């Protein structure tokens, strides 16, 4: 949590006068879907955090890996112990920026491209993904759906279960922000 607050301060630029430009969300929904020949796997958490600076368009996400919930308890155990190794790599973290020149202080629906780095399973990789930011009555929300190749983050899938887990996992992120008080 301390790191989240620190990132919010960085997004703010360290100037108290710009605090109204910072929006935060403490219940970001992250879900993923893996479609493989033998089995589909889904998991979801609402325990992610995010911050966005509507002036600079900087954006930050962080999610505790061990909070993802699966339909089958055994899948959840394997996910945390064998694949994502959540004891060793407890969080996934994205730091980036909205590429387009959009006014996030003005109501509207904005198709955007977000570019930045995703640090997951000890590997940092650059991503450039599409999403939508909606501003309605001053409330900012963000949605994105993108693919992550598990090998890009050195997540090893044993050959014994390779038909159970997809090489590419679809990730969905949804956040509704509120202003950070001055």
N, C-alpha and C. Protein backbone atom coordinates (compact mmCIF):
# COMPACT_ATOMS: atom_id res chain seq x y z
N UNK A 1 0.82 -1.19 0.00
CA UNK A 1 0.00 0.00 0.00
C UNK A 1 0.87 1.25 0.00
N UNK A 2 2.01 1.22 0.71
CA UNK A 2 2.90 2.38 0.74
C UNK A 2 3.41 2.70 -0.65
N UNK A 3 3.72 1.64 -1.43
CA UNK A 3 4.21 1.86 -2.78
C UNK A 3 3.13 2.50 -3.64
N UNK A 4 1.86 2.10 -3.46
CA UNK A 4 0.76 2.69 -4.20
C UNK A 4 0.66 4.18 -3.92
N UNK A 5 0.73 4.56 -2.65
CA UNK A 5 0.66 5.97 -2.29
C UNK A 5 1.85 6.73 -2.85
N UNK A 6 3.03 6.11 -2.84
CA UNK A 6 4.23 6.73 -3.41
C UNK A 6 4.03 6.98 -4.91
N UNK A 7 3.49 5.99 -5.62
CA UNK A 7 3.25 6.14 -7.06
C UNK A 7 2.24 7.25 -7.30
N UNK A 8 1.21 7.34 -6.46
CA UNK A 8 0.24 8.43 -6.59
C UNK A 8 0.93 9.79 -6.47
N UNK A 9 1.87 9.88 -5.53
CA UNK A 9 2.62 11.13 -5.36
C UNK A 9 3.47 11.42 -6.60
N UNK A 10 4.09 10.38 -7.15
CA UNK A 10 4.89 10.57 -8.36
C UNK A 10 4.01 11.01 -9.52
N UNK A 11 2.84 10.37 -9.67
CA UNK A 11 1.93 10.77 -10.73
C UNK A 11 1.51 12.21 -10.56
N UNK A 12 1.40 12.61 -9.32
CA UNK A 12 1.01 13.98 -9.01
C UNK A 12 2.12 14.97 -9.35
N UNK A 13 3.32 14.48 -9.48
CA UNK A 13 4.44 15.36 -9.76
C UNK A 13 4.98 15.99 -8.49
N UNK A 14 4.51 15.53 -7.34
CA UNK A 14 5.01 16.03 -6.07
C UNK A 14 4.47 17.39 -5.70
N UNK A 15 3.53 17.93 -6.48
CA UNK A 15 3.01 19.26 -6.20
C UNK A 15 1.58 19.17 -5.70
N UNK A 16 1.34 19.68 -4.52
CA UNK A 16 0.02 19.58 -3.89
C UNK A 16 -1.06 20.25 -4.73
N UNK A 17 -0.71 21.28 -5.48
CA UNK A 17 -1.68 21.98 -6.30
C UNK A 17 -2.26 21.13 -7.41
N UNK A 18 -1.59 20.05 -7.76
CA UNK A 18 -2.06 19.19 -8.84
C UNK A 18 -2.80 17.96 -8.33
N UNK A 19 -3.10 17.89 -7.03
CA UNK A 19 -3.75 16.71 -6.45
C UNK A 19 -5.09 16.43 -7.11
N UNK A 20 -5.80 17.48 -7.56
CA UNK A 20 -7.10 17.25 -8.19
C UNK A 20 -6.96 16.52 -9.53
N UNK A 21 -5.75 16.44 -10.09
CA UNK A 21 -5.52 15.73 -11.33
C UNK A 21 -5.37 14.23 -11.12
N UNK A 22 -5.21 13.80 -9.88
CA UNK A 22 -4.99 12.39 -9.58
C UNK A 22 -6.32 11.71 -9.26
N UNK A 23 -6.56 10.59 -9.93
CA UNK A 23 -7.71 9.75 -9.67
C UNK A 23 -7.17 8.39 -9.23
N UNK A 24 -7.80 7.75 -8.26
CA UNK A 24 -7.33 6.44 -7.80
C UNK A 24 -8.48 5.46 -7.73
N UNK A 25 -8.13 4.18 -7.75
CA UNK A 25 -9.11 3.10 -7.62
C UNK A 25 -8.47 2.01 -6.77
N UNK A 26 -9.14 1.61 -5.72
CA UNK A 26 -8.62 0.58 -4.81
C UNK A 26 -9.31 -0.77 -4.98
N UNK A 27 -10.16 -0.90 -5.98
CA UNK A 27 -10.84 -2.18 -6.21
C UNK A 27 -10.89 -2.48 -7.71
N UNK A 28 -9.75 -2.40 -8.36
CA UNK A 28 -9.65 -2.69 -9.79
C UNK A 28 -9.98 -4.17 -10.00
N UNK A 29 -10.78 -4.45 -11.00
CA UNK A 29 -11.09 -5.83 -11.36
C UNK A 29 -10.11 -6.29 -12.43
N UNK A 30 -9.42 -7.37 -12.14
CA UNK A 30 -8.54 -8.03 -13.10
C UNK A 30 -9.10 -9.43 -13.30
N UNK A 31 -9.19 -9.86 -14.54
CA UNK A 31 -9.58 -11.24 -14.79
C UNK A 31 -8.75 -11.76 -15.96
N UNK A 32 -8.61 -13.06 -16.01
CA UNK A 32 -7.95 -13.63 -17.17
C UNK A 32 -8.64 -14.91 -17.60
N UNK A 33 -8.45 -15.21 -18.87
CA UNK A 33 -9.09 -16.35 -19.49
C UNK A 33 -8.06 -17.08 -20.34
N UNK A 34 -7.96 -18.37 -20.12
CA UNK A 34 -7.04 -19.23 -20.87
C UNK A 34 -7.87 -20.31 -21.54
N UNK A 35 -7.87 -20.31 -22.87
CA UNK A 35 -8.61 -21.33 -23.61
C UNK A 35 -7.60 -22.29 -24.21
N UNK A 36 -7.69 -23.55 -23.79
CA UNK A 36 -6.77 -24.59 -24.27
C UNK A 36 -7.59 -25.79 -24.72
N UNK A 37 -6.98 -26.71 -25.49
CA UNK A 37 -7.72 -27.86 -26.03
C UNK A 37 -8.47 -28.68 -24.98
N UNK A 38 -7.90 -28.89 -23.81
CA UNK A 38 -8.55 -29.75 -22.82
C UNK A 38 -9.38 -29.01 -21.78
N UNK A 39 -9.11 -27.70 -21.61
CA UNK A 39 -9.78 -27.03 -20.49
C UNK A 39 -9.66 -25.51 -20.63
N UNK A 40 -10.73 -24.82 -20.25
CA UNK A 40 -10.70 -23.36 -20.16
C UNK A 40 -10.48 -23.00 -18.70
N UNK A 41 -9.65 -21.98 -18.49
CA UNK A 41 -9.34 -21.56 -17.12
C UNK A 41 -9.67 -20.08 -17.01
N UNK A 42 -10.40 -19.73 -15.95
CA UNK A 42 -10.75 -18.34 -15.66
C UNK A 42 -10.43 -18.03 -14.21
N UNK A 43 -10.01 -16.78 -13.98
CA UNK A 43 -9.78 -16.32 -12.61
C UNK A 43 -10.06 -14.83 -12.56
N UNK A 44 -10.37 -14.36 -11.34
CA UNK A 44 -10.74 -12.95 -11.17
C UNK A 44 -10.34 -12.46 -9.79
N UNK A 45 -10.01 -11.18 -9.71
CA UNK A 45 -9.80 -10.51 -8.44
C UNK A 45 -10.33 -9.09 -8.54
N UNK A 46 -10.73 -8.54 -7.41
CA UNK A 46 -11.14 -7.14 -7.35
C UNK A 46 -10.25 -6.39 -6.37
N UNK A 47 -9.06 -6.91 -6.14
CA UNK A 47 -8.16 -6.33 -5.15
C UNK A 47 -6.98 -5.58 -5.75
N UNK A 48 -7.09 -5.21 -7.02
CA UNK A 48 -6.03 -4.41 -7.63
C UNK A 48 -6.18 -2.95 -7.26
N UNK A 49 -5.12 -2.19 -7.47
CA UNK A 49 -5.15 -0.74 -7.25
C UNK A 49 -4.66 -0.06 -8.51
N UNK A 50 -5.07 1.19 -8.68
CA UNK A 50 -4.64 1.95 -9.85
C UNK A 50 -4.70 3.44 -9.53
N UNK A 51 -3.93 4.18 -10.30
CA UNK A 51 -3.98 5.65 -10.23
C UNK A 51 -3.78 6.18 -11.64
N UNK A 52 -4.44 7.28 -11.94
CA UNK A 52 -4.27 7.94 -13.23
C UNK A 52 -4.16 9.44 -12.97
N UNK A 53 -3.25 10.07 -13.68
CA UNK A 53 -3.11 11.52 -13.62
C UNK A 53 -3.79 12.07 -14.86
N UNK A 54 -4.92 12.75 -14.69
CA UNK A 54 -5.68 13.23 -15.84
C UNK A 54 -4.97 14.36 -16.58
N UNK A 55 -3.99 14.99 -15.96
CA UNK A 55 -3.24 16.06 -16.63
C UNK A 55 -2.09 15.48 -17.47
N UNK A 56 -1.32 14.57 -16.90
CA UNK A 56 -0.15 14.02 -17.62
C UNK A 56 -0.48 12.73 -18.35
N UNK A 57 -1.62 12.10 -18.03
CA UNK A 57 -2.09 10.83 -18.60
C UNK A 57 -1.22 9.64 -18.18
N UNK A 58 -0.45 9.81 -17.11
CA UNK A 58 0.30 8.67 -16.55
C UNK A 58 -0.69 7.74 -15.87
N UNK A 59 -0.44 6.43 -15.96
CA UNK A 59 -1.36 5.45 -15.38
C UNK A 59 -0.56 4.33 -14.73
N UNK A 60 -1.10 3.81 -13.63
CA UNK A 60 -0.40 2.80 -12.83
C UNK A 60 -1.41 1.76 -12.36
N UNK A 61 -1.02 0.47 -12.43
CA UNK A 61 -1.84 -0.62 -11.92
C UNK A 61 -0.96 -1.57 -11.12
N UNK A 62 -1.53 -2.15 -10.07
CA UNK A 62 -0.82 -3.17 -9.29
C UNK A 62 -1.85 -4.16 -8.77
N UNK A 63 -1.51 -5.45 -8.86
CA UNK A 63 -2.43 -6.48 -8.39
C UNK A 63 -1.67 -7.55 -7.61
N UNK A 64 -2.17 -7.94 -6.42
CA UNK A 64 -1.57 -9.05 -5.69
C UNK A 64 -1.95 -10.37 -6.39
N UNK A 65 -0.95 -11.13 -6.79
CA UNK A 65 -1.17 -12.36 -7.55
C UNK A 65 -2.03 -13.36 -6.78
N UNK A 66 -1.79 -13.49 -5.48
CA UNK A 66 -2.49 -14.53 -4.72
C UNK A 66 -3.96 -14.22 -4.45
N UNK A 67 -4.47 -13.09 -4.95
CA UNK A 67 -5.89 -12.76 -4.74
C UNK A 67 -6.79 -13.26 -5.85
N UNK A 68 -6.21 -13.79 -6.95
CA UNK A 68 -7.04 -14.33 -8.03
C UNK A 68 -7.81 -15.55 -7.53
N UNK A 69 -9.11 -15.58 -7.81
CA UNK A 69 -9.98 -16.67 -7.39
C UNK A 69 -10.36 -17.51 -8.61
N UNK A 70 -10.25 -18.83 -8.46
CA UNK A 70 -10.56 -19.79 -9.51
C UNK A 70 -11.78 -20.60 -9.10
N UNK A 71 -12.42 -21.26 -10.07
CA UNK A 71 -13.55 -22.15 -9.76
C UNK A 71 -13.07 -23.36 -8.97
N UNK A 72 -11.88 -23.87 -9.32
CA UNK A 72 -11.34 -25.05 -8.66
C UNK A 72 -10.16 -24.66 -7.78
N UNK A 73 -10.22 -25.07 -6.54
CA UNK A 73 -9.15 -24.73 -5.58
C UNK A 73 -7.79 -25.25 -6.04
N UNK A 74 -7.75 -26.43 -6.65
CA UNK A 74 -6.49 -27.00 -7.12
C UNK A 74 -5.86 -26.12 -8.19
N UNK A 75 -6.66 -25.55 -9.08
CA UNK A 75 -6.14 -24.62 -10.10
C UNK A 75 -5.49 -23.42 -9.42
N UNK A 76 -6.15 -22.91 -8.41
CA UNK A 76 -5.63 -21.74 -7.69
C UNK A 76 -4.29 -22.07 -7.03
N UNK A 77 -4.19 -23.24 -6.42
CA UNK A 77 -2.93 -23.66 -5.79
C UNK A 77 -1.82 -23.77 -6.83
N UNK A 78 -2.09 -24.43 -7.95
CA UNK A 78 -1.07 -24.59 -9.00
C UNK A 78 -0.65 -23.23 -9.56
N UNK A 79 -1.63 -22.35 -9.77
CA UNK A 79 -1.36 -21.01 -10.28
C UNK A 79 -0.38 -20.28 -9.37
N UNK A 80 -0.64 -20.30 -8.05
CA UNK A 80 0.20 -19.58 -7.10
C UNK A 80 1.53 -20.26 -6.83
N UNK A 81 1.52 -21.58 -6.72
CA UNK A 81 2.74 -22.30 -6.34
C UNK A 81 3.65 -22.64 -7.53
N UNK A 82 3.07 -23.12 -8.63
CA UNK A 82 3.87 -23.66 -9.72
C UNK A 82 4.11 -22.68 -10.87
N UNK A 83 3.13 -21.85 -11.18
CA UNK A 83 3.24 -21.03 -12.38
C UNK A 83 3.65 -19.59 -12.09
N UNK A 84 2.87 -18.88 -11.30
CA UNK A 84 3.20 -17.48 -11.00
C UNK A 84 4.08 -17.33 -9.78
N UNK A 85 4.25 -18.38 -9.01
CA UNK A 85 5.14 -18.37 -7.83
C UNK A 85 4.89 -17.12 -6.99
N UNK A 86 3.67 -16.98 -6.51
CA UNK A 86 3.26 -15.74 -5.83
C UNK A 86 4.01 -15.47 -4.53
N UNK A 87 4.61 -16.47 -3.92
CA UNK A 87 5.45 -16.20 -2.74
C UNK A 87 6.71 -15.43 -3.14
N UNK A 88 7.25 -15.77 -4.29
CA UNK A 88 8.48 -15.14 -4.79
C UNK A 88 8.19 -13.84 -5.55
N UNK A 89 7.09 -13.82 -6.29
CA UNK A 89 6.69 -12.66 -7.10
C UNK A 89 5.25 -12.29 -6.72
N UNK A 90 5.06 -11.56 -5.62
CA UNK A 90 3.71 -11.35 -5.07
C UNK A 90 2.79 -10.43 -5.87
N UNK A 91 3.34 -9.59 -6.75
CA UNK A 91 2.51 -8.62 -7.47
C UNK A 91 2.84 -8.60 -8.96
N UNK A 92 1.87 -8.16 -9.73
CA UNK A 92 2.09 -7.73 -11.11
C UNK A 92 1.86 -6.22 -11.10
N UNK A 93 2.68 -5.50 -11.86
CA UNK A 93 2.64 -4.03 -11.80
C UNK A 93 2.82 -3.45 -13.20
N UNK A 94 1.98 -2.50 -13.55
CA UNK A 94 2.07 -1.82 -14.84
C UNK A 94 2.25 -0.33 -14.61
N UNK A 95 3.22 0.26 -15.31
CA UNK A 95 3.45 1.70 -15.27
C UNK A 95 3.47 2.18 -16.71
N UNK A 96 2.60 3.14 -17.04
CA UNK A 96 2.54 3.58 -18.42
C UNK A 96 1.92 4.95 -18.58
N UNK A 97 1.52 5.21 -19.82
CA UNK A 97 0.97 6.50 -20.17
C UNK A 97 0.01 6.35 -21.34
N UNK A 98 -1.05 7.15 -21.33
CA UNK A 98 -1.97 7.21 -22.46
C UNK A 98 -1.25 7.94 -23.59
N UNK A 99 -1.22 7.32 -24.76
CA UNK A 99 -0.46 7.87 -25.90
C UNK A 99 -1.17 9.05 -26.55
N UNK A 100 -2.48 8.93 -26.74
CA UNK A 100 -3.23 9.96 -27.46
C UNK A 100 -3.32 11.27 -26.66
N UNK A 101 -3.51 12.34 -27.40
CA UNK A 101 -3.68 13.65 -26.80
C UNK A 101 -5.17 13.88 -26.54
N UNK A 102 -5.68 13.30 -25.44
CA UNK A 102 -7.10 13.45 -25.09
C UNK A 102 -7.21 14.23 -23.79
N UNK A 103 -8.31 14.94 -23.64
CA UNK A 103 -8.55 15.72 -22.43
C UNK A 103 -9.36 14.89 -21.45
N UNK A 104 -8.68 14.27 -20.50
CA UNK A 104 -9.34 13.38 -19.54
C UNK A 104 -10.07 14.13 -18.44
N UNK A 105 -10.13 15.44 -18.55
CA UNK A 105 -10.92 16.23 -17.60
C UNK A 105 -12.29 16.58 -18.19
N UNK A 106 -12.49 16.19 -19.44
CA UNK A 106 -13.71 16.52 -20.17
C UNK A 106 -14.53 15.25 -20.40
N UNK A 107 -15.85 15.32 -20.15
CA UNK A 107 -16.72 14.15 -20.37
C UNK A 107 -16.58 13.62 -21.79
N UNK A 108 -16.58 12.30 -21.89
CA UNK A 108 -16.51 11.66 -23.21
C UNK A 108 -16.05 10.23 -23.08
N UNK A 109 -16.13 9.51 -24.20
CA UNK A 109 -15.63 8.15 -24.29
C UNK A 109 -14.43 8.20 -25.23
N UNK A 110 -13.27 7.80 -24.69
CA UNK A 110 -12.02 7.93 -25.43
C UNK A 110 -11.38 6.57 -25.70
N UNK A 111 -11.36 6.15 -26.97
CA UNK A 111 -10.55 4.97 -27.30
C UNK A 111 -9.09 5.40 -27.19
N UNK A 112 -8.31 4.67 -26.43
CA UNK A 112 -6.93 5.08 -26.18
C UNK A 112 -5.96 3.92 -26.40
N UNK A 113 -4.71 4.29 -26.53
CA UNK A 113 -3.60 3.34 -26.53
C UNK A 113 -2.78 3.66 -25.30
N UNK A 114 -2.47 2.64 -24.53
CA UNK A 114 -1.64 2.81 -23.34
C UNK A 114 -0.33 2.08 -23.59
N UNK A 115 0.76 2.78 -23.33
CA UNK A 115 2.09 2.18 -23.52
C UNK A 115 2.85 2.26 -22.20
N UNK A 116 3.50 1.15 -21.86
CA UNK A 116 4.26 1.12 -20.63
C UNK A 116 4.87 -0.24 -20.39
N UNK A 117 5.27 -0.48 -19.15
CA UNK A 117 5.93 -1.74 -18.82
C UNK A 117 5.10 -2.53 -17.82
N UNK A 118 5.02 -3.83 -18.07
CA UNK A 118 4.36 -4.76 -17.17
C UNK A 118 5.45 -5.60 -16.52
N UNK A 119 5.51 -5.53 -15.19
CA UNK A 119 6.45 -6.36 -14.43
C UNK A 119 5.63 -7.48 -13.80
N UNK A 120 5.88 -8.69 -14.29
CA UNK A 120 5.15 -9.85 -13.78
C UNK A 120 6.09 -11.05 -13.77
N UNK A 121 6.07 -11.80 -12.69
CA UNK A 121 6.89 -13.01 -12.53
C UNK A 121 8.37 -12.67 -12.69
N UNK A 122 8.74 -11.46 -12.22
CA UNK A 122 10.14 -11.05 -12.25
C UNK A 122 10.65 -10.59 -13.60
N UNK A 123 9.76 -10.47 -14.58
CA UNK A 123 10.16 -10.06 -15.93
C UNK A 123 9.41 -8.78 -16.29
N UNK A 124 10.14 -7.78 -16.75
CA UNK A 124 9.54 -6.53 -17.19
C UNK A 124 9.52 -6.50 -18.71
N UNK A 125 8.35 -6.24 -19.27
CA UNK A 125 8.19 -6.22 -20.72
C UNK A 125 7.34 -5.01 -21.11
N UNK A 126 7.68 -4.41 -22.24
CA UNK A 126 6.93 -3.26 -22.74
C UNK A 126 5.69 -3.75 -23.48
N UNK A 127 4.57 -3.08 -23.20
CA UNK A 127 3.31 -3.37 -23.87
C UNK A 127 2.75 -2.08 -24.45
N UNK A 128 2.03 -2.21 -25.54
CA UNK A 128 1.29 -1.11 -26.16
C UNK A 128 -0.08 -1.69 -26.49
N UNK A 129 -1.09 -1.30 -25.71
CA UNK A 129 -2.40 -1.94 -25.80
C UNK A 129 -3.52 -0.92 -25.93
N UNK A 130 -4.63 -1.35 -26.49
CA UNK A 130 -5.82 -0.52 -26.67
C UNK A 130 -6.72 -0.63 -25.44
N UNK A 131 -7.47 0.41 -25.20
CA UNK A 131 -8.43 0.42 -24.12
C UNK A 131 -9.42 1.55 -24.33
N UNK A 132 -10.29 1.74 -23.34
CA UNK A 132 -11.26 2.83 -23.39
C UNK A 132 -11.25 3.54 -22.05
N UNK A 133 -11.18 4.84 -22.10
CA UNK A 133 -11.33 5.65 -20.89
C UNK A 133 -12.60 6.46 -21.06
N UNK A 134 -13.47 6.38 -20.06
CA UNK A 134 -14.73 7.12 -20.09
C UNK A 134 -14.71 8.13 -18.95
N UNK A 135 -15.10 9.36 -19.27
CA UNK A 135 -15.25 10.40 -18.26
C UNK A 135 -16.72 10.82 -18.30
N UNK A 136 -17.40 10.65 -17.17
CA UNK A 136 -18.81 11.01 -17.10
C UNK A 136 -19.06 11.73 -15.78
N UNK A 137 -19.48 12.97 -15.87
CA UNK A 137 -19.72 13.81 -14.69
C UNK A 137 -18.49 13.85 -13.79
N UNK A 138 -17.31 13.90 -14.40
CA UNK A 138 -16.06 13.99 -13.66
C UNK A 138 -15.52 12.66 -13.16
N UNK A 139 -16.29 11.56 -13.32
CA UNK A 139 -15.84 10.24 -12.88
C UNK A 139 -15.13 9.55 -14.05
N UNK A 140 -13.90 9.11 -13.80
CA UNK A 140 -13.08 8.46 -14.82
C UNK A 140 -13.16 6.95 -14.62
N UNK A 141 -13.35 6.22 -15.71
CA UNK A 141 -13.28 4.76 -15.67
C UNK A 141 -12.44 4.29 -16.85
N UNK A 142 -11.81 3.13 -16.68
CA UNK A 142 -10.94 2.59 -17.71
C UNK A 142 -11.21 1.12 -17.89
N UNK A 143 -11.14 0.66 -19.15
CA UNK A 143 -11.31 -0.76 -19.48
C UNK A 143 -10.31 -1.12 -20.56
N UNK A 144 -9.80 -2.34 -20.45
CA UNK A 144 -8.91 -2.85 -21.49
C UNK A 144 -8.96 -4.36 -21.49
N UNK A 145 -8.77 -4.92 -22.67
CA UNK A 145 -8.66 -6.37 -22.83
C UNK A 145 -7.45 -6.58 -23.74
N UNK A 146 -6.50 -7.38 -23.27
CA UNK A 146 -5.28 -7.59 -24.05
C UNK A 146 -4.73 -8.99 -23.78
N UNK A 147 -3.79 -9.40 -24.58
CA UNK A 147 -3.20 -10.73 -24.47
C UNK A 147 -1.80 -10.68 -23.88
N UNK A 148 -1.50 -11.69 -23.06
CA UNK A 148 -0.17 -11.85 -22.48
C UNK A 148 0.32 -13.25 -22.85
N UNK A 149 1.48 -13.30 -23.48
CA UNK A 149 2.11 -14.58 -23.80
C UNK A 149 2.88 -15.02 -22.55
N UNK A 150 2.51 -16.16 -21.97
CA UNK A 150 3.10 -16.58 -20.70
C UNK A 150 4.62 -16.75 -20.81
N UNK A 151 5.11 -17.21 -21.93
CA UNK A 151 6.57 -17.40 -22.11
C UNK A 151 7.31 -16.07 -22.03
N UNK A 152 6.65 -14.96 -22.42
CA UNK A 152 7.30 -13.64 -22.36
C UNK A 152 7.66 -13.24 -20.93
N UNK A 153 6.99 -13.85 -19.96
CA UNK A 153 7.26 -13.55 -18.55
C UNK A 153 7.88 -14.75 -17.83
N UNK A 154 8.46 -15.63 -18.62
CA UNK A 154 9.17 -16.82 -18.12
C UNK A 154 8.31 -17.66 -17.18
N UNK A 155 7.04 -17.76 -17.52
CA UNK A 155 6.13 -18.64 -16.80
C UNK A 155 6.18 -19.98 -17.53
N UNK A 156 6.67 -20.97 -16.85
CA UNK A 156 6.87 -22.27 -17.46
C UNK A 156 5.65 -23.17 -17.27
N UNK A 157 5.23 -23.76 -18.38
CA UNK A 157 4.11 -24.70 -18.37
C UNK A 157 4.70 -26.10 -18.62
N UNK A 158 4.60 -27.00 -17.64
CA UNK A 158 5.14 -28.35 -17.82
C UNK A 158 4.47 -29.06 -19.00
N UNK A 159 5.23 -29.85 -19.74
CA UNK A 159 4.70 -30.53 -20.92
C UNK A 159 3.51 -31.43 -20.58
N UNK A 160 3.46 -31.92 -19.36
CA UNK A 160 2.37 -32.78 -18.92
C UNK A 160 0.99 -32.08 -18.99
N UNK A 161 0.98 -30.76 -18.77
CA UNK A 161 -0.29 -30.02 -18.76
C UNK A 161 -0.37 -28.97 -19.87
N UNK A 162 0.48 -29.07 -20.88
CA UNK A 162 0.53 -28.06 -21.92
C UNK A 162 -0.80 -27.94 -22.69
N UNK A 163 -1.59 -29.00 -22.75
CA UNK A 163 -2.89 -28.93 -23.43
C UNK A 163 -3.99 -28.36 -22.52
N UNK A 164 -3.64 -28.11 -21.26
CA UNK A 164 -4.61 -27.56 -20.32
C UNK A 164 -4.48 -26.04 -20.16
N UNK A 165 -3.34 -25.49 -20.54
CA UNK A 165 -3.08 -24.07 -20.33
C UNK A 165 -2.62 -23.43 -21.64
N UNK A 166 -3.27 -22.34 -22.01
CA UNK A 166 -2.96 -21.66 -23.26
C UNK A 166 -1.61 -20.94 -23.17
N UNK A 167 -0.95 -20.81 -24.31
CA UNK A 167 0.31 -20.07 -24.38
C UNK A 167 0.06 -18.57 -24.27
N UNK A 168 -1.13 -18.15 -24.69
CA UNK A 168 -1.52 -16.74 -24.63
C UNK A 168 -2.78 -16.64 -23.79
N UNK A 169 -2.75 -15.75 -22.80
CA UNK A 169 -3.86 -15.57 -21.87
C UNK A 169 -4.49 -14.20 -22.10
N UNK A 170 -5.81 -14.17 -22.16
CA UNK A 170 -6.54 -12.91 -22.34
C UNK A 170 -6.76 -12.27 -20.97
N UNK A 171 -6.32 -11.03 -20.81
CA UNK A 171 -6.44 -10.30 -19.55
C UNK A 171 -7.43 -9.15 -19.74
N UNK A 172 -8.33 -8.99 -18.77
CA UNK A 172 -9.28 -7.88 -18.78
C UNK A 172 -9.08 -7.06 -17.51
N UNK A 173 -9.07 -5.75 -17.68
CA UNK A 173 -8.89 -4.82 -16.56
C UNK A 173 -10.02 -3.80 -16.59
N UNK A 174 -10.63 -3.55 -15.43
CA UNK A 174 -11.69 -2.53 -15.31
C UNK A 174 -11.50 -1.76 -14.02
N UNK A 175 -11.53 -0.43 -14.12
CA UNK A 175 -11.35 0.42 -12.95
C UNK A 175 -12.28 1.63 -13.02
N UNK A 176 -12.82 2.00 -11.86
CA UNK A 176 -13.60 3.24 -11.73
C UNK A 176 -12.87 4.06 -10.67
N UNK A 177 -12.46 5.25 -11.06
CA UNK A 177 -11.59 6.07 -10.22
C UNK A 177 -12.38 7.10 -9.43
N UNK A 178 -11.74 7.58 -8.37
CA UNK A 178 -12.27 8.72 -7.62
C UNK A 178 -11.10 9.66 -7.33
N UNK A 179 -11.41 10.92 -7.17
CA UNK A 179 -10.38 11.94 -6.98
C UNK A 179 -9.65 11.72 -5.66
N UNK A 180 -8.34 11.94 -5.70
CA UNK A 180 -7.53 11.89 -4.48
C UNK A 180 -7.65 13.24 -3.81
N UNK A 181 -7.96 13.26 -2.52
CA UNK A 181 -8.12 14.52 -1.80
C UNK A 181 -6.80 15.25 -1.70
N UNK A 182 -6.89 16.57 -1.71
CA UNK A 182 -5.69 17.42 -1.58
C UNK A 182 -5.07 17.25 -0.22
